[in-house]
Amino acid sequence: MSEDKKLNMPQSLLLLLLIIGAVAVCIRLKTGGPMIGLFMSWIIIYLFCKVLRINYEHVVNGAYDAIRVVVPTLCLLMAIGVMIGTWLQSGTIATIIVGGLKLINPTWLLPLTLIFCAVLSLVTGTSYGSVGSAGVAMMAIGNAMGIHPGMVAGAVICGAMFGDKLSPLSDTTNLAPEVAGSKLNDHVRSMLWTTLPTFVISLVLFVILGISQTSGNYENGNLLTYIDALQGEFKLGFITLLPAIAIIILLLCKVNAVVSLGLSAICAGAVSFFYQGATLQSIIRVAYNGYSTSIEEGILQTILNRGGMGSMLQYVAIITFAVGMGGMLEKLGVLDHILNAILKLVKNDGTMILATLITGYMTSLISCSQPMAHVLTGRLMAPVFKKRHVAPEILSRCLEDSGTLAGPMIPWHGYCVYMSGTLGVAWGAFFPFLFLLYLTPVFSLIYGFTGISIKHTEG
């Protein structure tokens, strides 16, 4: 069996159709979600390799190489589960909810959430950390206020991605110019053209949504009842905020995200033990199984009955099988066929940027990995940009406008799985409100076809 043998275009399309069909059937039957369909994709690829006499061991090594890249994300997911469970038991979430209900006008929750998550992500350079800390807190407040959870999650994700995309501390902000051959400062300045206008538009849209959500027949529930119930189950006060303060300080000090989450969880466990009177056994149980409240109010049960490492294992499975599948498809040459077909679109600067964005989305769809999307797209398009004498920072901007922002919009992508699992909101609920994510490439295309902000190098 040959290790270098690749699939041709018809074989690639047939393989993709079978994989899509397997995932779609599992989702349609509402049994096991996409996990089983993605697991079956490995079996389908194995059978393809056997029939076409391709060395499967060589192909599956591509899966393992791809999974190694996302191992930090998998660890992060499980750490987030532990932290959420311990935050709930310690009263940290309850204190934030009570404070939010007393201080924040429901009308302004959505724009405040967008700005808060954007600033935190910009300063820390991590959308993961922003979503796991500020995002979780704002979701809890929004749920208690009766604001549409998809809208709150959309504001969290848009804010987190804005900061992550522009922060010089972000891994994607450094990877994109490295792949494209541009300077970091030039790259960030170039991204302002597409990201700032869409942030302003997103802010206006979330203000409008906030007003529409809290007008007319809006019912925010009996907030005093929620506050009394939370104060009845937990001791609230400054001490219970220590875990939240700890993680923000640790992220600002550039401590590893998994370690930051773990230390915050330990801090929450200490608060639970010494302040809430929990036993060590219950703290460990909550860290794995999540918190379960005795409050009978339905809204508060939805907010409080969650968390724990075990709750994240399904998301770990999705990312593992999806990213592994992408690695095998890349080994089989499936991506090369698709990318080469996209290259035929290039006729001018506008179509070149269109081809770059499409390539970024396609590589994200299949690889389920931001780094892989950047590397594959950049490797393919760099010679094309150089041939047309377009500055490399325009390429790096396109990599971010598509490859970075595509993640939360793809249900099986690691980024989307993380956001959904952490915020407790299904993809279908928050997708319509990801304004920043799907408006940014629109601006990129407008600039490409009009020549605005498109810098050329001397030939």
Protein backbone atom coordinates (compact mmCIF):
# COMPACT_ATOMS: atom_id res chain seq x y z
CA MET A 1 0.00 0.00 0.00
CA SER A 2 1.30 3.46 -0.95
CA GLU A 3 1.73 6.18 1.66
CA ASP A 4 1.78 8.94 -0.99
CA LYS A 5 -1.43 7.92 -2.76
CA LYS A 6 -4.11 10.61 -2.70
CA LEU A 7 -7.80 10.66 -3.55
CA ASN A 8 -8.90 12.21 -6.83
CA MET A 9 -11.66 14.83 -7.03
CA PRO A 10 -14.65 12.43 -7.47
CA GLN A 11 -13.38 10.22 -4.64
CA SER A 12 -12.87 13.28 -2.42
CA LEU A 13 -16.40 14.53 -3.07
CA LEU A 14 -17.89 11.08 -2.42
CA LEU A 15 -15.99 10.79 0.87
CA LEU A 16 -17.15 14.23 1.98
CA LEU A 17 -20.77 13.42 1.09
CA LEU A 18 -20.66 10.20 3.11
CA ILE A 19 -19.18 11.98 6.14
CA ILE A 20 -21.68 14.83 5.93
CA GLY A 21 -24.48 12.27 5.58
CA ALA A 22 -23.34 10.35 8.66
CA VAL A 23 -23.19 13.49 10.79
CA ALA A 24 -26.49 14.83 9.43
CA VAL A 25 -28.35 11.59 10.17
CA CYS A 26 -27.16 11.56 13.79
CA ILE A 27 -28.15 15.21 14.27
CA ARG A 28 -31.51 14.72 12.52
CA LEU A 29 -32.39 11.71 14.68
CA LYS A 30 -31.40 13.69 17.80
CA THR A 31 -29.52 10.67 19.07
CA GLY A 32 -25.96 11.14 20.28
CA GLY A 33 -25.58 14.49 18.54
CA PRO A 34 -22.72 14.90 16.07
CA MET A 35 -20.29 12.84 18.17
CA ILE A 36 -21.33 9.46 16.75
CA GLY A 37 -21.43 10.83 13.20
CA LEU A 38 -17.93 12.23 13.57
CA PHE A 39 -16.75 8.95 15.09
CA MET A 40 -18.25 7.13 12.10
CA SER A 41 -16.25 9.41 9.78
CA TRP A 42 -13.11 7.64 11.01
CA ILE A 43 -14.63 4.29 10.06
CA ILE A 44 -15.69 5.61 6.64
CA ILE A 45 -12.16 6.89 5.99
CA TYR A 46 -10.72 3.54 7.07
CA LEU A 47 -12.98 1.68 4.62
CA PHE A 48 -12.02 4.11 1.84
CA CYS A 49 -8.35 3.45 2.52
CA LYS A 50 -8.86 -0.33 2.44
CA VAL A 51 -10.85 -0.27 -0.80
CA LEU A 52 -8.41 2.09 -2.54
CA ARG A 53 -5.33 0.35 -1.04
CA ILE A 54 -4.08 3.42 0.82
CA ASN A 55 -1.96 2.95 3.94
CA TYR A 56 -4.39 3.75 6.75
CA GLU A 57 -1.65 3.97 9.39
CA HIS A 58 -0.10 6.84 7.44
CA VAL A 59 -3.49 8.56 7.15
CA VAL A 60 -4.48 8.14 10.80
CA ASN A 61 -1.15 9.64 11.85
CA GLY A 62 -2.48 12.82 10.28
CA ALA A 63 -5.40 12.63 12.71
CA TYR A 64 -3.10 12.22 15.70
CA ASP A 65 -0.89 15.11 14.56
CA ALA A 66 -3.95 17.35 14.24
CA ILE A 67 -5.32 16.31 17.63
CA ARG A 68 -2.02 17.17 19.31
CA VAL A 69 -2.57 20.78 18.23
CA VAL A 70 -5.92 21.01 20.05
CA VAL A 71 -4.94 19.15 23.23
CA PRO A 72 -4.64 22.51 25.09
CA THR A 73 -8.23 23.28 24.06
CA LEU A 74 -9.42 19.91 25.36
CA CYS A 75 -7.69 20.52 28.69
CA LEU A 76 -9.17 24.01 28.77
CA LEU A 77 -12.68 22.67 28.27
CA MET A 78 -12.39 20.26 31.19
CA ALA A 79 -10.82 22.95 33.37
CA ILE A 80 -13.73 25.29 32.53
CA GLY A 81 -16.18 22.58 33.63
CA VAL A 82 -14.41 22.22 36.97
CA MET A 83 -14.30 25.99 37.48
CA ILE A 84 -17.98 26.52 36.68
CA GLY A 85 -19.00 23.78 39.12
CA THR A 86 -16.87 25.16 41.95
CA TRP A 87 -17.92 28.76 41.22
CA LEU A 88 -21.54 27.69 41.58
CA GLN A 89 -20.96 25.87 44.86
CA SER A 90 -18.90 28.70 46.36
CA GLY A 91 -21.61 31.27 45.66
CA THR A 92 -19.48 33.20 43.18
CA ILE A 93 -22.06 32.96 40.40
CA ALA A 94 -24.89 33.71 42.85
CA THR A 95 -23.13 36.86 44.08
CA ILE A 96 -22.54 38.05 40.51
CA ILE A 97 -26.21 37.39 39.62
CA VAL A 98 -27.52 39.28 42.65
CA GLY A 99 -25.15 42.19 42.00
CA GLY A 100 -26.06 42.26 38.32
CA LEU A 101 -29.80 42.20 39.02
CA LYS A 102 -29.42 45.13 41.43
CA LEU A 103 -27.00 47.26 39.39
CA ILE A 104 -27.56 46.57 35.66
CA ASN A 105 -30.55 47.83 33.72
CA PRO A 106 -31.76 44.88 31.58
CA THR A 107 -32.03 47.21 28.55
CA TRP A 108 -28.27 47.76 28.53
CA LEU A 109 -27.12 44.25 29.40
CA LEU A 110 -26.34 43.22 25.80
CA PRO A 111 -24.15 46.22 24.83
CA LEU A 112 -22.43 46.13 28.24
CA THR A 113 -21.70 42.43 27.75
CA LEU A 114 -20.19 43.12 24.31
CA ILE A 115 -17.94 45.89 25.64
CA PHE A 116 -16.93 44.04 28.84
CA CYS A 117 -15.90 40.87 26.99
CA ALA A 118 -14.12 42.87 24.27
CA VAL A 119 -12.01 44.82 26.76
CA LEU A 120 -11.14 41.75 28.83
CA SER A 121 -10.21 39.75 25.74
CA LEU A 122 -8.17 42.62 24.30
CA VAL A 123 -6.20 43.04 27.53
CA THR A 124 -5.65 39.32 28.21
CA GLY A 125 -5.30 38.15 24.59
CA THR A 126 -7.59 35.16 25.09
CA SER A 127 -11.20 34.74 24.03
CA TYR A 128 -11.26 31.43 25.91
CA GLY A 129 -10.53 33.12 29.22
CA SER A 130 -12.98 35.96 28.56
CA VAL A 131 -15.81 33.59 27.71
CA GLY A 132 -14.99 31.32 30.66
CA SER A 133 -15.02 34.16 33.19
CA ALA A 134 -16.94 37.28 32.06
CA GLY A 135 -19.06 35.28 29.62
CA VAL A 136 -20.29 32.81 32.23
CA ALA A 137 -21.14 35.66 34.62
CA MET A 138 -23.05 37.71 32.02
CA MET A 139 -24.97 34.62 30.86
CA ALA A 140 -26.13 33.99 34.42
CA ILE A 141 -27.29 37.59 34.83
CA GLY A 142 -29.02 37.55 31.43
CA ASN A 143 -30.86 34.32 32.19
CA ALA A 144 -32.10 35.71 35.50
CA MET A 145 -33.28 38.89 33.74
CA GLY A 146 -35.15 36.88 31.13
CA ILE A 147 -33.02 38.12 28.20
CA HIS A 148 -32.83 35.76 25.21
CA PRO A 149 -29.82 33.48 25.98
CA GLY A 150 -28.79 33.38 22.32
CA MET A 151 -28.50 37.17 22.27
CA VAL A 152 -26.40 37.26 25.44
CA ALA A 153 -24.16 34.47 24.10
CA GLY A 154 -23.86 36.35 20.80
CA ALA A 155 -22.72 39.49 22.62
CA VAL A 156 -20.23 37.47 24.68
CA ILE A 157 -18.74 35.76 21.62
CA CYS A 158 -18.60 38.93 19.49
CA GLY A 159 -16.85 40.80 22.26
CA ALA A 160 -14.42 37.98 23.01
CA MET A 161 -13.54 37.49 19.34
CA PHE A 162 -13.05 41.24 18.79
CA GLY A 163 -10.50 41.45 21.57
CA ASP A 164 -8.81 38.17 20.66
CA LYS A 165 -8.52 39.21 16.99
CA LEU A 166 -6.88 42.57 17.72
CA SER A 167 -4.82 41.81 20.82
CA PRO A 168 -1.05 41.60 20.18
CA LEU A 169 -1.03 38.98 22.96
CA SER A 170 -3.34 36.59 21.07
CA ASP A 171 -1.91 33.46 19.45
CA THR A 172 -3.92 33.94 16.23
CA THR A 173 -2.88 37.60 15.99
CA ASN A 174 0.74 36.45 16.00
CA LEU A 175 0.28 33.34 13.83
CA ALA A 176 -1.50 35.05 10.92
CA PRO A 177 1.27 37.60 10.13
CA GLU A 178 3.91 34.93 10.64
CA VAL A 179 2.26 32.73 8.01
CA ALA A 180 1.63 35.64 5.62
CA GLY A 181 5.06 37.22 6.04
CA SER A 182 3.85 40.55 7.45
CA LYS A 183 4.80 42.55 10.54
CA LEU A 184 2.63 42.35 13.65
CA ASN A 185 2.02 46.11 13.87
CA ASP A 186 1.10 46.32 10.18
CA HIS A 187 -1.21 43.35 10.63
CA VAL A 188 -3.09 44.89 13.57
CA ARG A 189 -3.44 48.26 11.81
CA SER A 190 -4.79 46.51 8.72
CA MET A 191 -7.37 44.60 10.76
CA LEU A 192 -8.78 47.84 12.19
CA TRP A 193 -10.28 48.56 8.74
CA THR A 194 -12.55 45.52 8.89
CA THR A 195 -12.99 45.00 12.64
CA LEU A 196 -13.74 48.46 14.05
CA PRO A 197 -16.70 49.28 11.74
CA THR A 198 -18.28 45.89 12.39
CA PHE A 199 -17.80 46.31 16.15
CA VAL A 200 -19.63 49.64 16.05
CA ILE A 201 -22.44 48.12 13.95
CA SER A 202 -22.64 45.16 16.35
CA LEU A 203 -22.83 47.55 19.32
CA VAL A 204 -25.72 49.45 17.71
CA LEU A 205 -27.53 46.21 16.90
CA PHE A 206 -27.17 44.91 20.46
CA VAL A 207 -28.50 48.24 21.80
CA ILE A 208 -31.54 47.84 19.53
CA LEU A 209 -32.00 44.22 20.61
CA GLY A 210 -31.72 45.22 24.26
CA ILE A 211 -34.42 47.84 23.86
CA SER A 212 -36.67 45.45 21.94
CA GLN A 213 -36.18 42.70 24.53
CA THR A 214 -37.18 44.93 27.44
CA SER A 215 -40.15 46.74 25.89
CA GLY A 216 -43.75 45.76 25.20
CA ASN A 217 -44.64 42.49 26.88
CA TYR A 218 -41.23 42.00 28.50
CA GLU A 219 -41.37 40.18 31.83
CA ASN A 220 -38.15 39.96 33.82
CA GLY A 221 -39.70 37.62 36.37
CA ASN A 222 -39.80 38.35 40.07
CA LEU A 223 -36.25 39.54 40.59
CA LEU A 224 -36.73 39.95 44.32
CA THR A 225 -37.77 36.30 44.50
CA TYR A 226 -34.57 35.29 42.68
CA ILE A 227 -32.45 37.42 44.99
CA ASP A 228 -34.11 36.03 48.12
CA ALA A 229 -33.74 32.44 46.87
CA LEU A 230 -30.03 32.90 46.15
CA GLN A 231 -29.43 34.58 49.49
CA GLY A 232 -31.24 31.70 51.14
CA GLU A 233 -29.00 29.03 49.57
CA PHE A 234 -25.65 30.84 49.72
CA LYS A 235 -23.76 33.19 51.97
CA LEU A 236 -23.07 36.12 49.67
CA GLY A 237 -20.41 38.78 49.99
CA PHE A 238 -17.02 39.97 48.86
CA ILE A 239 -15.37 36.68 49.85
CA THR A 240 -17.39 34.76 47.27
CA LEU A 241 -16.03 37.06 44.53
CA LEU A 242 -12.42 36.04 45.25
CA PRO A 243 -12.41 33.20 42.65
CA ALA A 244 -13.57 35.63 39.93
CA ILE A 245 -11.04 38.26 40.97
CA ALA A 246 -8.33 35.59 41.05
CA ILE A 247 -8.88 34.45 37.46
CA ILE A 248 -8.93 37.99 36.08
CA ILE A 249 -5.65 38.81 37.86
CA LEU A 250 -4.06 35.55 36.70
CA LEU A 251 -5.10 36.13 33.08
CA LEU A 252 -3.79 39.71 33.20
CA CYS A 253 -0.50 38.33 34.55
CA LYS A 254 -0.36 36.01 31.51
CA VAL A 255 -0.57 32.84 33.59
CA ASN A 256 -1.41 29.78 31.49
CA ALA A 257 -5.18 29.61 30.91
CA VAL A 258 -5.60 26.05 32.23
CA VAL A 259 -3.56 26.87 35.32
CA SER A 260 -5.57 30.10 35.82
CA LEU A 261 -8.84 28.19 35.65
CA GLY A 262 -7.50 25.51 37.99
CA LEU A 263 -6.26 28.00 40.58
CA SER A 264 -9.58 29.85 40.42
CA ALA A 265 -11.39 26.53 40.98
CA ILE A 266 -9.15 25.78 43.98
CA CYS A 267 -9.90 29.25 45.35
CA ALA A 268 -13.63 28.56 44.87
CA GLY A 269 -13.24 25.21 46.61
CA ALA A 270 -11.61 26.97 49.57
CA VAL A 271 -14.48 29.48 49.74
CA SER A 272 -16.96 26.59 49.63
CA PHE A 273 -15.17 24.78 52.46
CA PHE A 274 -14.42 27.66 54.83
CA TYR A 275 -17.27 30.05 54.03
CA GLN A 276 -20.18 27.99 52.66
CA GLY A 277 -19.54 25.01 54.96
CA ALA A 278 -19.23 22.41 52.19
CA THR A 279 -17.38 19.15 52.80
CA LEU A 280 -14.26 18.17 50.88
CA GLN A 281 -16.13 15.21 49.40
CA SER A 282 -18.93 17.44 48.07
CA ILE A 283 -16.41 19.88 46.57
CA ILE A 284 -14.66 17.10 44.65
CA ARG A 285 -18.01 15.65 43.57
CA VAL A 286 -19.17 19.05 42.27
CA ALA A 287 -15.86 19.54 40.45
CA TYR A 288 -16.61 16.44 38.40
CA ASN A 289 -20.42 16.10 38.32
CA GLY A 290 -21.41 19.75 38.57
CA TYR A 291 -23.56 21.63 41.06
CA SER A 292 -27.18 20.77 41.88
CA THR A 293 -29.35 23.37 43.61
CA SER A 294 -32.17 22.84 46.07
CA ILE A 295 -33.95 25.97 44.81
CA GLU A 296 -37.25 25.09 43.14
CA GLU A 297 -37.47 28.18 40.90
CA GLY A 298 -37.16 26.92 37.29
CA ILE A 299 -35.03 29.82 35.97
CA LEU A 300 -32.51 29.48 38.79
CA GLN A 301 -32.36 25.70 38.34
CA THR A 302 -31.42 26.27 34.70
CA ILE A 303 -28.63 28.62 35.76
CA LEU A 304 -27.29 26.67 38.74
CA ASN A 305 -27.67 22.99 37.76
CA ARG A 306 -24.58 22.69 35.57
CA GLY A 307 -20.80 22.59 35.49
CA GLY A 308 -18.31 19.86 36.35
CA MET A 309 -15.61 18.18 34.30
CA GLY A 310 -18.02 15.41 33.28
CA SER A 311 -20.33 17.90 31.54
CA MET A 312 -17.54 18.78 29.11
CA LEU A 313 -16.59 15.27 28.02
CA GLN A 314 -19.12 15.24 25.15
CA TYR A 315 -17.52 18.42 23.79
CA VAL A 316 -14.07 16.87 24.14
CA ALA A 317 -15.33 13.95 22.02
CA ILE A 318 -16.69 16.26 19.31
CA ILE A 319 -13.44 18.21 19.01
CA THR A 320 -11.27 15.07 19.08
CA PHE A 321 -13.11 13.24 16.30
CA ALA A 322 -13.74 16.38 14.20
CA VAL A 323 -10.13 17.59 14.28
CA GLY A 324 -8.83 14.05 13.72
CA MET A 325 -11.11 13.72 10.70
CA GLY A 326 -9.74 16.99 9.31
CA GLY A 327 -6.18 15.74 9.71
CA MET A 328 -6.96 12.55 7.79
CA LEU A 329 -8.75 14.43 5.00
CA GLU A 330 -5.67 16.64 4.65
CA LYS A 331 -3.43 13.56 4.38
CA LEU A 332 -5.72 12.12 1.69
CA GLY A 333 -5.44 15.27 -0.40
CA VAL A 334 -9.13 16.18 -0.10
CA LEU A 335 -8.31 19.75 0.93
CA ASP A 336 -5.88 20.21 -1.97
CA HIS A 337 -8.58 19.46 -4.53
CA ILE A 338 -10.98 21.94 -2.95
CA LEU A 339 -8.38 24.66 -2.56
CA ASN A 340 -7.08 24.33 -6.11
CA ALA A 341 -10.64 24.65 -7.40
CA ILE A 342 -11.08 27.84 -5.38
CA LEU A 343 -7.86 29.30 -6.85
CA LYS A 344 -9.46 29.31 -10.29
CA LEU A 345 -11.73 32.13 -9.08
CA VAL A 346 -8.84 34.60 -8.91
CA LYS A 347 -9.11 37.26 -11.64
CA ASN A 348 -8.38 40.50 -9.76
CA ASP A 349 -7.75 41.76 -6.21
CA GLY A 350 -11.40 41.41 -5.27
CA THR A 351 -11.73 37.83 -6.43
CA MET A 352 -8.36 37.04 -4.83
CA ILE A 353 -9.68 38.19 -1.45
CA LEU A 354 -12.93 36.30 -2.10
CA ALA A 355 -10.93 33.15 -2.84
CA THR A 356 -8.86 33.67 0.33
CA LEU A 357 -11.96 34.04 2.51
CA ILE A 358 -13.62 30.98 0.94
CA THR A 359 -10.44 29.00 1.46
CA GLY A 360 -10.30 30.11 5.10
CA TYR A 361 -13.87 28.96 5.65
CA MET A 362 -13.38 25.65 3.81
CA THR A 363 -10.22 24.78 5.73
CA SER A 364 -11.99 25.70 8.97
CA LEU A 365 -15.01 23.55 8.05
CA ILE A 366 -12.85 20.51 7.37
CA SER A 367 -9.89 20.91 9.74
CA CYS A 368 -11.91 22.34 12.68
CA SER A 369 -8.72 24.09 13.76
CA GLN A 370 -7.74 27.77 13.60
CA PRO A 371 -3.98 27.16 13.33
CA MET A 372 -4.47 24.63 10.52
CA ALA A 373 -6.83 27.00 8.69
CA HIS A 374 -4.28 29.81 8.88
CA VAL A 375 -1.35 27.65 7.79
CA LEU A 376 -3.14 25.93 4.89
CA THR A 377 -4.77 29.12 3.58
CA GLY A 378 -1.64 31.20 4.01
CA ARG A 379 0.54 28.58 2.32
CA LEU A 380 -1.79 28.44 -0.68
CA MET A 381 -2.52 32.16 -1.10
CA ALA A 382 0.85 33.78 -0.25
CA PRO A 383 2.30 33.22 -3.77
CA VAL A 384 -0.90 34.63 -5.32
CA PHE A 385 -0.74 37.82 -3.21
CA LYS A 386 2.96 38.18 -4.02
CA LYS A 387 2.28 37.76 -7.75
CA ARG A 388 -0.36 40.52 -7.65
CA HIS A 389 1.94 42.73 -5.50
CA VAL A 390 -0.58 42.99 -2.67
CA ALA A 391 0.95 43.68 0.75
CA PRO A 392 1.24 40.64 3.06
CA GLU A 393 -0.73 42.37 5.83
CA ILE A 394 -3.80 42.20 3.58
CA LEU A 395 -3.37 38.43 3.39
CA SER A 396 -2.89 38.14 7.15
CA ARG A 397 -6.02 40.26 7.63
CA CYS A 398 -7.99 37.90 5.40
CA LEU A 399 -6.70 34.92 7.36
CA GLU A 400 -8.15 36.43 10.53
CA ASP A 401 -11.37 37.66 8.88
CA SER A 402 -12.15 34.10 7.84
CA GLY A 403 -10.04 31.51 9.68
CA THR A 404 -10.17 33.16 13.11
CA LEU A 405 -13.80 34.26 13.01
CA ALA A 406 -15.16 31.13 11.34
CA GLY A 407 -14.73 28.93 14.41
CA PRO A 408 -17.80 29.96 16.45
CA MET A 409 -19.99 29.77 13.33
CA ILE A 410 -19.22 26.09 12.60
CA PRO A 411 -21.14 23.71 14.94
CA TRP A 412 -18.40 21.04 15.10
CA HIS A 413 -15.43 23.43 15.21
CA GLY A 414 -13.42 23.41 18.44
CA TYR A 415 -14.11 27.10 19.06
CA CYS A 416 -17.88 26.71 18.64
CA VAL A 417 -17.99 23.59 20.78
CA TYR A 418 -16.09 25.43 23.52
CA MET A 419 -18.37 28.49 23.37
CA SER A 420 -21.54 26.40 23.38
CA GLY A 421 -20.40 24.15 26.22
CA THR A 422 -19.07 26.97 28.39
CA LEU A 423 -22.05 29.29 27.94
CA GLY A 424 -24.64 26.51 27.98
CA VAL A 425 -26.29 27.74 24.77
CA ALA A 426 -26.85 25.72 21.59
CA TRP A 427 -25.21 26.86 18.34
CA GLY A 428 -28.58 27.46 16.69
CA ALA A 429 -29.58 29.89 19.45
CA PHE A 430 -26.54 32.20 19.25
CA PHE A 431 -25.59 31.94 15.55
CA PRO A 432 -28.07 34.63 14.33
CA PHE A 433 -26.50 37.13 16.73
CA LEU A 434 -22.83 36.72 15.74
CA PHE A 435 -22.96 40.06 13.93
CA LEU A 436 -19.26 40.85 14.17
CA LEU A 437 -18.28 37.45 12.79
CA TYR A 438 -20.24 37.51 9.56
CA LEU A 439 -20.09 41.28 8.90
CA THR A 440 -16.29 41.45 9.06
CA PRO A 441 -15.67 39.38 5.89
CA VAL A 442 -18.34 41.49 4.13
CA PHE A 443 -16.23 44.59 4.76
CA SER A 444 -13.15 42.66 3.65
CA LEU A 445 -14.85 41.90 0.34
CA ILE A 446 -16.04 45.48 -0.12
CA TYR A 447 -12.50 46.72 0.36
CA GLY A 448 -11.18 44.09 -2.02
CA PHE A 449 -13.47 45.05 -4.89
CA THR A 450 -13.25 48.82 -4.30
CA GLY A 451 -9.53 48.97 -3.51
CA ILE A 452 -10.10 50.73 -0.18
CA SER A 453 -7.29 49.93 2.29
CA ILE A 454 -5.69 47.50 -0.22
CA LYS A 455 -1.99 48.28 -0.06
CA HIS A 456 0.29 47.25 -2.94
CA THR A 457 4.01 46.66 -2.90
CA GLU A 458 6.41 47.84 -5.57
CA GLY A 459 6.77 45.23 -8.32
